[in-house]
Amino acid sequence: MSSYTTITPEQLKSRLDAGEKIHLIDVREDEEVAQGMIPGALHLPLGQVPQQLDQIPKEEEVIFICRSGYRSDQACQYLSSLGYKGTTNLIGGMIAWTNLP
């Protein structure tokens, strides 16, 4: 069974505010990321993930982001099934991120 972790927007914001360098991958489509991304995130649409595995660190934590958390959840399930160790899903996605105080 594949397994991966989750992170809340609050936890991610506090780690980024502390200056931590984190691998972030935004799996939304072009028109969605045009509305804004978390600074430092790599844009890699979900449909391109299987062709871009070399862009994704296999042994390090990588936080996946989408609009609501559903597509990033799919990315985490897929990658963890391939043996990726640090896949992490941002709970609530960009909707939750943009609603942070």
PDB file of N, CA and C in Angstrom:
ATOM      1  N   MET A   1       0.842  -1.195   0.000  1.00  0.00           N
ATOM      2  CA  MET A   1       0.000   0.000   0.000  1.00  0.00           C
ATOM      3  C   MET A   1       0.880   1.250   0.000  1.00  0.00           C
ATOM      4  N   SER A   2       0.480   2.216  -0.786  1.00  0.00           N
ATOM      5  CA  SER A   2       1.242   3.454  -0.845  1.00  0.00           C
ATOM      6  C   SER A   2       0.906   4.321   0.366  1.00  0.00           C
ATOM      7  N   SER A   3       1.891   5.075   0.792  1.00  0.00           N
ATOM      8  CA  SER A   3       1.630   5.963   1.914  1.00  0.00           C
ATOM      9  C   SER A   3       2.380   7.266   1.707  1.00  0.00           C
ATOM     10  N   TYR A   4       1.778   8.330   2.195  1.00  0.00           N
ATOM     11  CA  TYR A   4       2.389   9.641   2.096  1.00  0.00           C
ATOM     12  C   TYR A   4       1.859  10.477   3.239  1.00  0.00           C
ATOM     13  N   THR A   5       2.442  11.637   3.433  1.00  0.00           N
ATOM     14  CA  THR A   5       2.036  12.491   4.540  1.00  0.00           C
ATOM     15  C   THR A   5       1.237  13.686   4.025  1.00  0.00           C
ATOM     16  N   THR A   6       0.714  14.433   4.963  1.00  0.00           N
ATOM     17  CA  THR A   6      -0.030  15.650   4.633  1.00  0.00           C
ATOM     18  C   THR A   6       0.534  16.802   5.458  1.00  0.00           C
ATOM     19  N   ILE A   7       0.256  18.009   4.986  1.00  0.00           N
ATOM     20  CA  ILE A   7       0.678  19.211   5.697  1.00  0.00           C
ATOM     21  C   ILE A   7      -0.447  20.235   5.564  1.00  0.00           C
ATOM     22  N   THR A   8      -0.659  21.009   6.609  1.00  0.00           N
ATOM     23  CA  THR A   8      -1.681  22.054   6.543  1.00  0.00           C
ATOM     24  C   THR A   8      -1.055  23.327   5.972  1.00  0.00           C
ATOM     25  N   PRO A   9      -1.863  24.223   5.421  1.00  0.00           N
ATOM     26  CA  PRO A   9      -1.326  25.497   4.947  1.00  0.00           C
ATOM     27  C   PRO A   9      -0.593  26.263   6.051  1.00  0.00           C
ATOM     28  N   GLU A  10      -1.114  26.199   7.269  1.00  0.00           N
ATOM     29  CA  GLU A  10      -0.481  26.899   8.393  1.00  0.00           C
ATOM     30  C   GLU A  10       0.911  26.344   8.669  1.00  0.00           C
ATOM     31  N   GLN A  11       1.045  25.009   8.645  1.00  0.00           N
ATOM     32  CA  GLN A  11       2.351  24.382   8.876  1.00  0.00           C
ATOM     33  C   GLN A  11       3.337  24.768   7.773  1.00  0.00           C
ATOM     34  N   LEU A  12       2.864  24.739   6.518  1.00  0.00           N
ATOM     35  CA  LEU A  12       3.731  25.081   5.399  1.00  0.00           C
ATOM     36  C   LEU A  12       4.167  26.537   5.482  1.00  0.00           C
ATOM     37  N   LYS A  13       3.229  27.431   5.767  1.00  0.00           N
ATOM     38  CA  LYS A  13       3.556  28.859   5.850  1.00  0.00           C
ATOM     39  C   LYS A  13       4.595  29.108   6.932  1.00  0.00           C
ATOM     40  N   SER A  14       4.432  28.468   8.071  1.00  0.00           N
ATOM     41  CA  SER A  14       5.383  28.692   9.158  1.00  0.00           C
ATOM     42  C   SER A  14       6.773  28.161   8.791  1.00  0.00           C
ATOM     43  N   ARG A  15       6.851  27.047   8.088  1.00  0.00           N
ATOM     44  CA  ARG A  15       8.151  26.530   7.649  1.00  0.00           C
ATOM     45  C   ARG A  15       8.785  27.449   6.605  1.00  0.00           C
ATOM     46  N   LEU A  16       7.992  27.948   5.662  1.00  0.00           N
ATOM     47  CA  LEU A  16       8.525  28.870   4.645  1.00  0.00           C
ATOM     48  C   LEU A  16       8.952  30.187   5.287  1.00  0.00           C
ATOM     49  N   ASP A  17       8.143  30.691   6.229  1.00  0.00           N
ATOM     50  CA  ASP A  17       8.483  31.936   6.924  1.00  0.00           C
ATOM     51  C   ASP A  17       9.786  31.798   7.713  1.00  0.00           C
ATOM     52  N   ALA A  18      10.080  30.578   8.165  1.00  0.00           N
ATOM     53  CA  ALA A  18      11.312  30.322   8.919  1.00  0.00           C
ATOM     54  C   ALA A  18      12.519  30.192   7.986  1.00  0.00           C
ATOM     55  N   GLY A  19      12.269  30.270   6.672  1.00  0.00           N
ATOM     56  CA  GLY A  19      13.360  30.217   5.716  1.00  0.00           C
ATOM     57  C   GLY A  19      13.736  28.818   5.269  1.00  0.00           C
ATOM     58  N   GLU A  20      12.915  27.840   5.624  1.00  0.00           N
ATOM     59  CA  GLU A  20      13.216  26.467   5.230  1.00  0.00           C
ATOM     60  C   GLU A  20      13.090  26.316   3.714  1.00  0.00           C
ATOM     61  N   LYS A  21      14.042  25.623   3.113  1.00  0.00           N
ATOM     62  CA  LYS A  21      14.003  25.338   1.675  1.00  0.00           C
ATOM     63  C   LYS A  21      13.225  24.046   1.474  1.00  0.00           C
ATOM     64  N   ILE A  22      12.112  24.138   0.792  1.00  0.00           N
ATOM     65  CA  ILE A  22      11.213  22.998   0.620  1.00  0.00           C
ATOM     66  C   ILE A  22      10.933  22.812  -0.863  1.00  0.00           C
ATOM     67  N   HIS A  23      10.921  21.557  -1.307  1.00  0.00           N
ATOM     68  CA  HIS A  23      10.517  21.267  -2.686  1.00  0.00           C
ATOM     69  C   HIS A  23       8.996  21.376  -2.758  1.00  0.00           C
ATOM     70  N   LEU A  24       8.514  22.290  -3.599  1.00  0.00           N
ATOM     71  CA  LEU A  24       7.080  22.476  -3.805  1.00  0.00           C
ATOM     72  C   LEU A  24       6.775  22.227  -5.273  1.00  0.00           C
ATOM     73  N   ILE A  25       5.757  21.425  -5.550  1.00  0.00           N
ATOM     74  CA  ILE A  25       5.341  21.189  -6.934  1.00  0.00           C
ATOM     75  C   ILE A  25       3.848  21.458  -7.040  1.00  0.00           C
ATOM     76  N   ASP A  26       3.502  22.393  -7.924  1.00  0.00           N
ATOM     77  CA  ASP A  26       2.117  22.782  -8.163  1.00  0.00           C
ATOM     78  C   ASP A  26       1.617  22.008  -9.374  1.00  0.00           C
ATOM     79  N   VAL A  27       0.615  21.150  -9.188  1.00  0.00           N
ATOM     80  CA  VAL A  27       0.132  20.281 -10.263  1.00  0.00           C
ATOM     81  C   VAL A  27      -1.113  20.830 -10.967  1.00  0.00           C
ATOM     82  N   ARG A  28      -1.422  22.112 -10.741  1.00  0.00           N
ATOM     83  CA  ARG A  28      -2.577  22.716 -11.418  1.00  0.00           C
ATOM     84  C   ARG A  28      -2.254  23.001 -12.885  1.00  0.00           C
ATOM     85  N   GLU A  29      -3.290  23.341 -13.640  1.00  0.00           N
ATOM     86  CA  GLU A  29      -3.129  23.664 -15.056  1.00  0.00           C
ATOM     87  C   GLU A  29      -2.644  25.104 -15.217  1.00  0.00           C
ATOM     88  N   ASP A  30      -2.182  25.425 -16.441  1.00  0.00           N
ATOM     89  CA  ASP A  30      -1.605  26.745 -16.727  1.00  0.00           C
ATOM     90  C   ASP A  30      -2.512  27.898 -16.318  1.00  0.00           C
ATOM     91  N   GLU A  31      -3.792  27.814 -16.683  1.00  0.00           N
ATOM     92  CA  GLU A  31      -4.700  28.933 -16.384  1.00  0.00           C
ATOM     93  C   GLU A  31      -4.909  29.112 -14.882  1.00  0.00           C
ATOM     94  N   GLU A  32      -4.738  28.038 -14.114  1.00  0.00           N
ATOM     95  CA  GLU A  32      -4.877  28.139 -12.661  1.00  0.00           C
ATOM     96  C   GLU A  32      -3.648  28.794 -12.030  1.00  0.00           C
ATOM     97  N   VAL A  33      -2.459  28.385 -12.464  1.00  0.00           N
ATOM     98  CA  VAL A  33      -1.253  28.968 -11.871  1.00  0.00           C
ATOM     99  C   VAL A  33      -1.086  30.424 -12.283  1.00  0.00           C
ATOM    100  N   ALA A  34      -1.716  30.820 -13.389  1.00  0.00           N
ATOM    101  CA  ALA A  34      -1.668  32.222 -13.808  1.00  0.00           C
ATOM    102  C   ALA A  34      -2.292  33.125 -12.751  1.00  0.00           C
ATOM    103  N   GLN A  35      -3.149  32.562 -11.904  1.00  0.00           N
ATOM    104  CA  GLN A  35      -3.807  33.328 -10.841  1.00  0.00           C
ATOM    105  C   GLN A  35      -2.939  33.414  -9.588  1.00  0.00           C
ATOM    106  N   GLY A  36      -1.787  32.768  -9.609  1.00  0.00           N
ATOM    107  CA  GLY A  36      -0.871  32.848  -8.478  1.00  0.00           C
ATOM    108  C   GLY A  36      -0.403  31.493  -7.998  1.00  0.00           C
ATOM    109  N   MET A  37       0.845  31.477  -7.554  1.00  0.00           N
ATOM    110  CA  MET A  37       1.451  30.259  -7.010  1.00  0.00           C
ATOM    111  C   MET A  37       2.153  30.595  -5.701  1.00  0.00           C
ATOM    112  N   ILE A  38       2.437  29.570  -4.930  1.00  0.00           N
ATOM    113  CA  ILE A  38       3.262  29.754  -3.746  1.00  0.00           C
ATOM    114  C   ILE A  38       4.685  30.011  -4.250  1.00  0.00           C
ATOM    115  N   PRO A  39       5.327  31.092  -3.781  1.00  0.00           N
ATOM    116  CA  PRO A  39       6.679  31.411  -4.263  1.00  0.00           C
ATOM    117  C   PRO A  39       7.631  30.227  -4.112  1.00  0.00           C
ATOM    118  N   GLY A  40       8.379  29.968  -5.179  1.00  0.00           N
ATOM    119  CA  GLY A  40       9.362  28.894  -5.161  1.00  0.00           C
ATOM    120  C   GLY A  40       8.844  27.561  -5.671  1.00  0.00           C
ATOM    121  N   ALA A  41       7.546  27.479  -5.940  1.00  0.00           N
ATOM    122  CA  ALA A  41       6.984  26.209  -6.406  1.00  0.00           C
ATOM    123  C   ALA A  41       7.323  25.979  -7.876  1.00  0.00           C
ATOM    124  N   LEU A  42       7.517  24.717  -8.219  1.00  0.00           N
ATOM    125  CA  LEU A  42       7.717  24.297  -9.594  1.00  0.00           C
ATOM    126  C   LEU A  42       6.344  23.960 -10.166  1.00  0.00           C
ATOM    127  N   HIS A  43       6.044  24.469 -11.359  1.00  0.00           N
ATOM    128  CA  HIS A  43       4.772  24.150 -12.006  1.00  0.00           C
ATOM    129  C   HIS A  43       4.944  22.895 -12.839  1.00  0.00           C
ATOM    130  N   LEU A  44       4.199  21.858 -12.495  1.00  0.00           N
ATOM    131  CA  LEU A  44       4.249  20.587 -13.209  1.00  0.00           C
ATOM    132  C   LEU A  44       2.826  20.024 -13.240  1.00  0.00           C
ATOM    133  N   PRO A  45       2.061  20.333 -14.305  1.00  0.00           N
ATOM    134  CA  PRO A  45       0.669  19.872 -14.358  1.00  0.00           C
ATOM    135  C   PRO A  45       0.558  18.364 -14.113  1.00  0.00           C
ATOM    136  N   LEU A  46      -0.494  17.965 -13.417  1.00  0.00           N
ATOM    137  CA  LEU A  46      -0.674  16.569 -13.013  1.00  0.00           C
ATOM    138  C   LEU A  46      -0.508  15.610 -14.188  1.00  0.00           C
ATOM    139  N   GLY A  47      -1.055  15.940 -15.347  1.00  0.00           N
ATOM    140  CA  GLY A  47      -0.965  15.054 -16.500  1.00  0.00           C
ATOM    141  C   GLY A  47       0.447  14.842 -17.012  1.00  0.00           C
ATOM    142  N   GLN A  48       1.375  15.719 -16.629  1.00  0.00           N
ATOM    143  CA  GLN A  48       2.762  15.600 -17.075  1.00  0.00           C
ATOM    144  C   GLN A  48       3.664  14.894 -16.061  1.00  0.00           C
ATOM    145  N   VAL A  49       3.139  14.627 -14.870  1.00  0.00           N
ATOM    146  CA  VAL A  49       3.959  14.024 -13.814  1.00  0.00           C
ATOM    147  C   VAL A  49       4.625  12.718 -14.282  1.00  0.00           C
ATOM    148  N   PRO A  50       3.896  11.780 -14.918  1.00  0.00           N
ATOM    149  CA  PRO A  50       4.567  10.525 -15.318  1.00  0.00           C
ATOM    150  C   PRO A  50       5.737  10.736 -16.285  1.00  0.00           C
ATOM    151  N   GLN A  51       5.692  11.760 -17.114  1.00  0.00           N
ATOM    152  CA  GLN A  51       6.774  12.024 -18.054  1.00  0.00           C
ATOM    153  C   GLN A  51       7.902  12.852 -17.430  1.00  0.00           C
ATOM    154  N   GLN A  52       7.683  13.414 -16.253  1.00  0.00           N
ATOM    155  CA  GLN A  52       8.654  14.331 -15.639  1.00  0.00           C
ATOM    156  C   GLN A  52       9.205  13.801 -14.313  1.00  0.00           C
ATOM    157  N   LEU A  53       9.247  12.495 -14.156  1.00  0.00           N
ATOM    158  CA  LEU A  53       9.696  11.923 -12.879  1.00  0.00           C
ATOM    159  C   LEU A  53      11.103  12.368 -12.508  1.00  0.00           C
ATOM    160  N   ASP A  54      11.937  12.664 -13.512  1.00  0.00           N
ATOM    161  CA  ASP A  54      13.299  13.094 -13.220  1.00  0.00           C
ATOM    162  C   ASP A  54      13.349  14.476 -12.573  1.00  0.00           C
ATOM    163  N   GLN A  55      12.250  15.216 -12.604  1.00  0.00           N
ATOM    164  CA  GLN A  55      12.172  16.546 -11.974  1.00  0.00           C
ATOM    165  C   GLN A  55      11.806  16.451 -10.483  1.00  0.00           C
ATOM    166  N   ILE A  56      11.418  15.255 -10.042  1.00  0.00           N
ATOM    167  CA  ILE A  56      10.873  15.089  -8.691  1.00  0.00           C
ATOM    168  C   ILE A  56      11.862  14.286  -7.837  1.00  0.00           C
ATOM    169  N   PRO A  57      12.388  14.892  -6.764  1.00  0.00           N
ATOM    170  CA  PRO A  57      13.315  14.149  -5.891  1.00  0.00           C
ATOM    171  C   PRO A  57      12.625  12.912  -5.301  1.00  0.00           C
ATOM    172  N   LYS A  58      13.324  11.771  -5.375  1.00  0.00           N
ATOM    173  CA  LYS A  58      12.722  10.514  -4.940  1.00  0.00           C
ATOM    174  C   LYS A  58      12.874  10.258  -3.442  1.00  0.00           C
ATOM    175  N   GLU A  59      13.933  10.788  -2.844  1.00  0.00           N
ATOM    176  CA  GLU A  59      14.222  10.482  -1.436  1.00  0.00           C
ATOM    177  C   GLU A  59      13.959  11.656  -0.496  1.00  0.00           C
ATOM    178  N   GLU A  60      13.584  12.818  -1.036  1.00  0.00           N
ATOM    179  CA  GLU A  60      13.395  14.006  -0.194  1.00  0.00           C
ATOM    180  C   GLU A  60      11.911  14.362  -0.103  1.00  0.00           C
ATOM    181  N   GLU A  61      11.586  15.184   0.891  1.00  0.00           N
ATOM    182  CA  GLU A  61      10.217  15.659   1.006  1.00  0.00           C
ATOM    183  C   GLU A  61       9.879  16.565  -0.178  1.00  0.00           C
ATOM    184  N   VAL A  62       8.730  16.304  -0.786  1.00  0.00           N
ATOM    185  CA  VAL A  62       8.202  17.140  -1.859  1.00  0.00           C
ATOM    186  C   VAL A  62       6.732  17.385  -1.533  1.00  0.00           C
ATOM    187  N   ILE A  63       6.355  18.666  -1.439  1.00  0.00           N
ATOM    188  CA  ILE A  63       4.976  19.014  -1.124  1.00  0.00           C
ATOM    189  C   ILE A  63       4.245  19.332  -2.422  1.00  0.00           C
ATOM    190  N   PHE A  64       3.142  18.630  -2.632  1.00  0.00           N
ATOM    191  CA  PHE A  64       2.340  18.802  -3.841  1.00  0.00           C
ATOM    192  C   PHE A  64       1.137  19.693  -3.553  1.00  0.00           C
ATOM    193  N   ILE A  65       0.857  20.576  -4.519  1.00  0.00           N
ATOM    194  CA  ILE A  65      -0.161  21.616  -4.353  1.00  0.00           C
ATOM    195  C   ILE A  65      -1.099  21.573  -5.552  1.00  0.00           C
ATOM    196  N   CYS A  66      -2.401  21.745  -5.308  1.00  0.00           N
ATOM    197  CA  CYS A  66      -3.356  21.960  -6.395  1.00  0.00           C
ATOM    198  C   CYS A  66      -4.405  22.949  -5.892  1.00  0.00           C
ATOM    199  N   ARG A  67      -5.545  22.989  -6.520  1.00  0.00           N
ATOM    200  CA  ARG A  67      -6.564  23.957  -6.124  1.00  0.00           C
ATOM    201  C   ARG A  67      -7.184  23.601  -4.769  1.00  0.00           C
ATOM    202  N   SER A  68      -7.608  22.337  -4.614  1.00  0.00           N
ATOM    203  CA  SER A  68      -8.338  21.954  -3.406  1.00  0.00           C
ATOM    204  C   SER A  68      -7.689  20.828  -2.610  1.00  0.00           C
ATOM    205  N   GLY A  69      -6.675  20.199  -3.177  1.00  0.00           N
ATOM    206  CA  GLY A  69      -6.023  19.079  -2.496  1.00  0.00           C
ATOM    207  C   GLY A  69      -6.313  17.740  -3.139  1.00  0.00           C
ATOM    208  N   TYR A  70      -7.226  17.685  -4.110  1.00  0.00           N
ATOM    209  CA  TYR A  70      -7.595  16.416  -4.726  1.00  0.00           C
ATOM    210  C   TYR A  70      -6.545  15.932  -5.732  1.00  0.00           C
ATOM    211  N   ARG A  71      -6.151  16.796  -6.659  1.00  0.00           N
ATOM    212  CA  ARG A  71      -5.150  16.388  -7.665  1.00  0.00           C
ATOM    213  C   ARG A  71      -3.783  16.165  -7.024  1.00  0.00           C
ATOM    214  N   SER A  72      -3.443  16.984  -6.040  1.00  0.00           N
ATOM    215  CA  SER A  72      -2.162  16.767  -5.359  1.00  0.00           C
ATOM    216  C   SER A  72      -2.199  15.441  -4.596  1.00  0.00           C
ATOM    217  N   ASP A  73      -3.359  15.061  -4.084  1.00  0.00           N
ATOM    218  CA  ASP A  73      -3.531  13.760  -3.446  1.00  0.00           C
ATOM    219  C   ASP A  73      -3.275  12.643  -4.461  1.00  0.00           C
ATOM    220  N   GLN A  74      -3.806  12.800  -5.678  1.00  0.00           N
ATOM    221  CA  GLN A  74      -3.581  11.804  -6.727  1.00  0.00           C
ATOM    222  C   GLN A  74      -2.087  11.687  -7.050  1.00  0.00           C
ATOM    223  N   ALA A  75      -1.405  12.839  -7.142  1.00  0.00           N
ATOM    224  CA  ALA A  75       0.036  12.836  -7.425  1.00  0.00           C
ATOM    225  C   ALA A  75       0.785  12.093  -6.317  1.00  0.00           C
ATOM    226  N   CYS A  76       0.424  12.356  -5.070  1.00  0.00           N
ATOM    227  CA  CYS A  76       1.081  11.691  -3.937  1.00  0.00           C
ATOM    228  C   CYS A  76       0.860  10.180  -3.977  1.00  0.00           C
ATOM    229  N   GLN A  77      -0.382   9.761  -4.254  1.00  0.00           N
ATOM    230  CA  GLN A  77      -0.672   8.326  -4.329  1.00  0.00           C
ATOM    231  C   GLN A  77       0.150   7.661  -5.430  1.00  0.00           C
ATOM    232  N   TYR A  78       0.182   8.295  -6.592  1.00  0.00           N
ATOM    233  CA  TYR A  78       0.908   7.746  -7.736  1.00  0.00           C
ATOM    234  C   TYR A  78       2.401   7.619  -7.428  1.00  0.00           C
ATOM    235  N   LEU A  79       2.996   8.703  -6.945  1.00  0.00           N
ATOM    236  CA  LEU A  79       4.445   8.703  -6.700  1.00  0.00           C
ATOM    237  C   LEU A  79       4.832   7.778  -5.554  1.00  0.00           C
ATOM    238  N   SER A  80       4.022   7.735  -4.510  1.00  0.00           N
ATOM    239  CA  SER A  80       4.374   6.836  -3.415  1.00  0.00           C
ATOM    240  C   SER A  80       4.268   5.377  -3.865  1.00  0.00           C
ATOM    241  N   SER A  81       3.362   5.087  -4.808  1.00  0.00           N
ATOM    242  CA  SER A  81       3.264   3.721  -5.338  1.00  0.00           C
ATOM    243  C   SER A  81       4.508   3.358  -6.155  1.00  0.00           C
ATOM    244  N   LEU A  82       5.237   4.374  -6.649  1.00  0.00           N
ATOM    245  CA  LEU A  82       6.479   4.147  -7.397  1.00  0.00           C
ATOM    246  C   LEU A  82       7.705   4.141  -6.485  1.00  0.00           C
ATOM    247  N   GLY A  83       7.480   4.303  -5.181  1.00  0.00           N
ATOM    248  CA  GLY A  83       8.584   4.244  -4.233  1.00  0.00           C
ATOM    249  C   GLY A  83       9.153   5.588  -3.823  1.00  0.00           C
ATOM    250  N   TYR A  84       8.486   6.681  -4.187  1.00  0.00           N
ATOM    251  CA  TYR A  84       8.938   8.005  -3.742  1.00  0.00           C
ATOM    252  C   TYR A  84       8.675   8.111  -2.245  1.00  0.00           C
ATOM    253  N   LYS A  85       9.682   8.598  -1.502  1.00  0.00           N
ATOM    254  CA  LYS A  85       9.638   8.540  -0.040  1.00  0.00           C
ATOM    255  C   LYS A  85       8.986   9.740   0.641  1.00  0.00           C
ATOM    256  N   GLY A  86       9.154  10.951   0.105  1.00  0.00           N
ATOM    257  CA  GLY A  86       8.743  12.133   0.850  1.00  0.00           C
ATOM    258  C   GLY A  86       7.534  12.861   0.304  1.00  0.00           C
ATOM    259  N   THR A  87       6.670  12.143  -0.421  1.00  0.00           N
ATOM    260  CA  THR A  87       5.508  12.825  -0.999  1.00  0.00           C
ATOM    261  C   THR A  87       4.580  13.318   0.101  1.00  0.00           C
ATOM    262  N   THR A  88       4.187  14.591  -0.017  1.00  0.00           N
ATOM    263  CA  THR A  88       3.361  15.252   0.990  1.00  0.00           C
ATOM    264  C   THR A  88       2.289  16.069   0.284  1.00  0.00           C
ATOM    265  N   ASN A  89       1.050  15.939   0.741  1.00  0.00           N
ATOM    266  CA  ASN A  89      -0.075  16.646   0.137  1.00  0.00           C
ATOM    267  C   ASN A  89      -0.448  17.864   0.978  1.00  0.00           C
ATOM    268  N   LEU A  90      -0.564  19.030   0.309  1.00  0.00           N
ATOM    269  CA  LEU A  90      -1.041  20.237   0.997  1.00  0.00           C
ATOM    270  C   LEU A  90      -2.553  20.144   1.140  1.00  0.00           C
ATOM    271  N   ILE A  91      -3.013  19.983   2.377  1.00  0.00           N
ATOM    272  CA  ILE A  91      -4.434  19.850   2.666  1.00  0.00           C
ATOM    273  C   ILE A  91      -5.175  21.137   2.268  1.00  0.00           C
ATOM    274  N   GLY A  92      -6.230  20.996   1.488  1.00  0.00           N
ATOM    275  CA  GLY A  92      -7.043  22.149   1.110  1.00  0.00           C
ATOM    276  C   GLY A  92      -6.497  22.953  -0.051  1.00  0.00           C
ATOM    277  N   GLY A  93      -5.273  22.644  -0.498  1.00  0.00           N
ATOM    278  CA  GLY A  93      -4.690  23.281  -1.671  1.00  0.00           C
ATOM    279  C   GLY A  93      -4.634  24.798  -1.610  1.00  0.00           C
ATOM    280  N   MET A  94      -4.664  25.400  -2.787  1.00  0.00           N
ATOM    281  CA  MET A  94      -4.546  26.858  -2.885  1.00  0.00           C
ATOM    282  C   MET A  94      -5.761  27.575  -2.304  1.00  0.00           C
ATOM    283  N   ILE A  95      -6.906  26.913  -2.287  1.00  0.00           N
ATOM    284  CA  ILE A  95      -8.086  27.534  -1.662  1.00  0.00           C
ATOM    285  C   ILE A  95      -7.771  27.829  -0.197  1.00  0.00           C
ATOM    286  N   ALA A  96      -7.255  26.822   0.501  1.00  0.00           N
ATOM    287  CA  ALA A  96      -6.912  27.002   1.925  1.00  0.00           C
ATOM    288  C   ALA A  96      -5.734  27.964   2.075  1.00  0.00           C
ATOM    289  N   TRP A  97      -4.740  27.857   1.175  1.00  0.00           N
ATOM    290  CA  TRP A  97      -3.559  28.726   1.252  1.00  0.00           C
ATOM    291  C   TRP A  97      -3.955  30.203   1.159  1.00  0.00           C
ATOM    292  N   THR A  98      -4.804  30.528   0.196  1.00  0.00           N
ATOM    293  CA  THR A  98      -5.163  31.928  -0.011  1.00  0.00           C
ATOM    294  C   THR A  98      -6.079  32.458   1.095  1.00  0.00           C
ATOM    295  N   ASN A  99      -6.648  31.569   1.883  1.00  0.00           N
ATOM    296  CA  ASN A  99      -7.498  31.986   2.998  1.00  0.00           C
ATOM    297  C   ASN A  99      -6.743  32.097   4.317  1.00  0.00           C
ATOM    298  N   LEU A 100      -5.421  31.916   4.272  1.00  0.00           N
ATOM    299  CA  LEU A 100      -4.637  32.081   5.507  1.00  0.00           C
ATOM    300  C   LEU A 100      -4.717  33.542   5.959  1.00  0.00           C
ATOM    301  N   PRO A 101      -4.726  33.751   7.277  1.00  0.00           N
ATOM    302  CA  PRO A 101      -4.753  35.139   7.775  1.00  0.00           C
ATOM    303  C   PRO A 101      -3.467  35.879   7.456  1.00  0.00           C
TER     304      PRO A 101
END
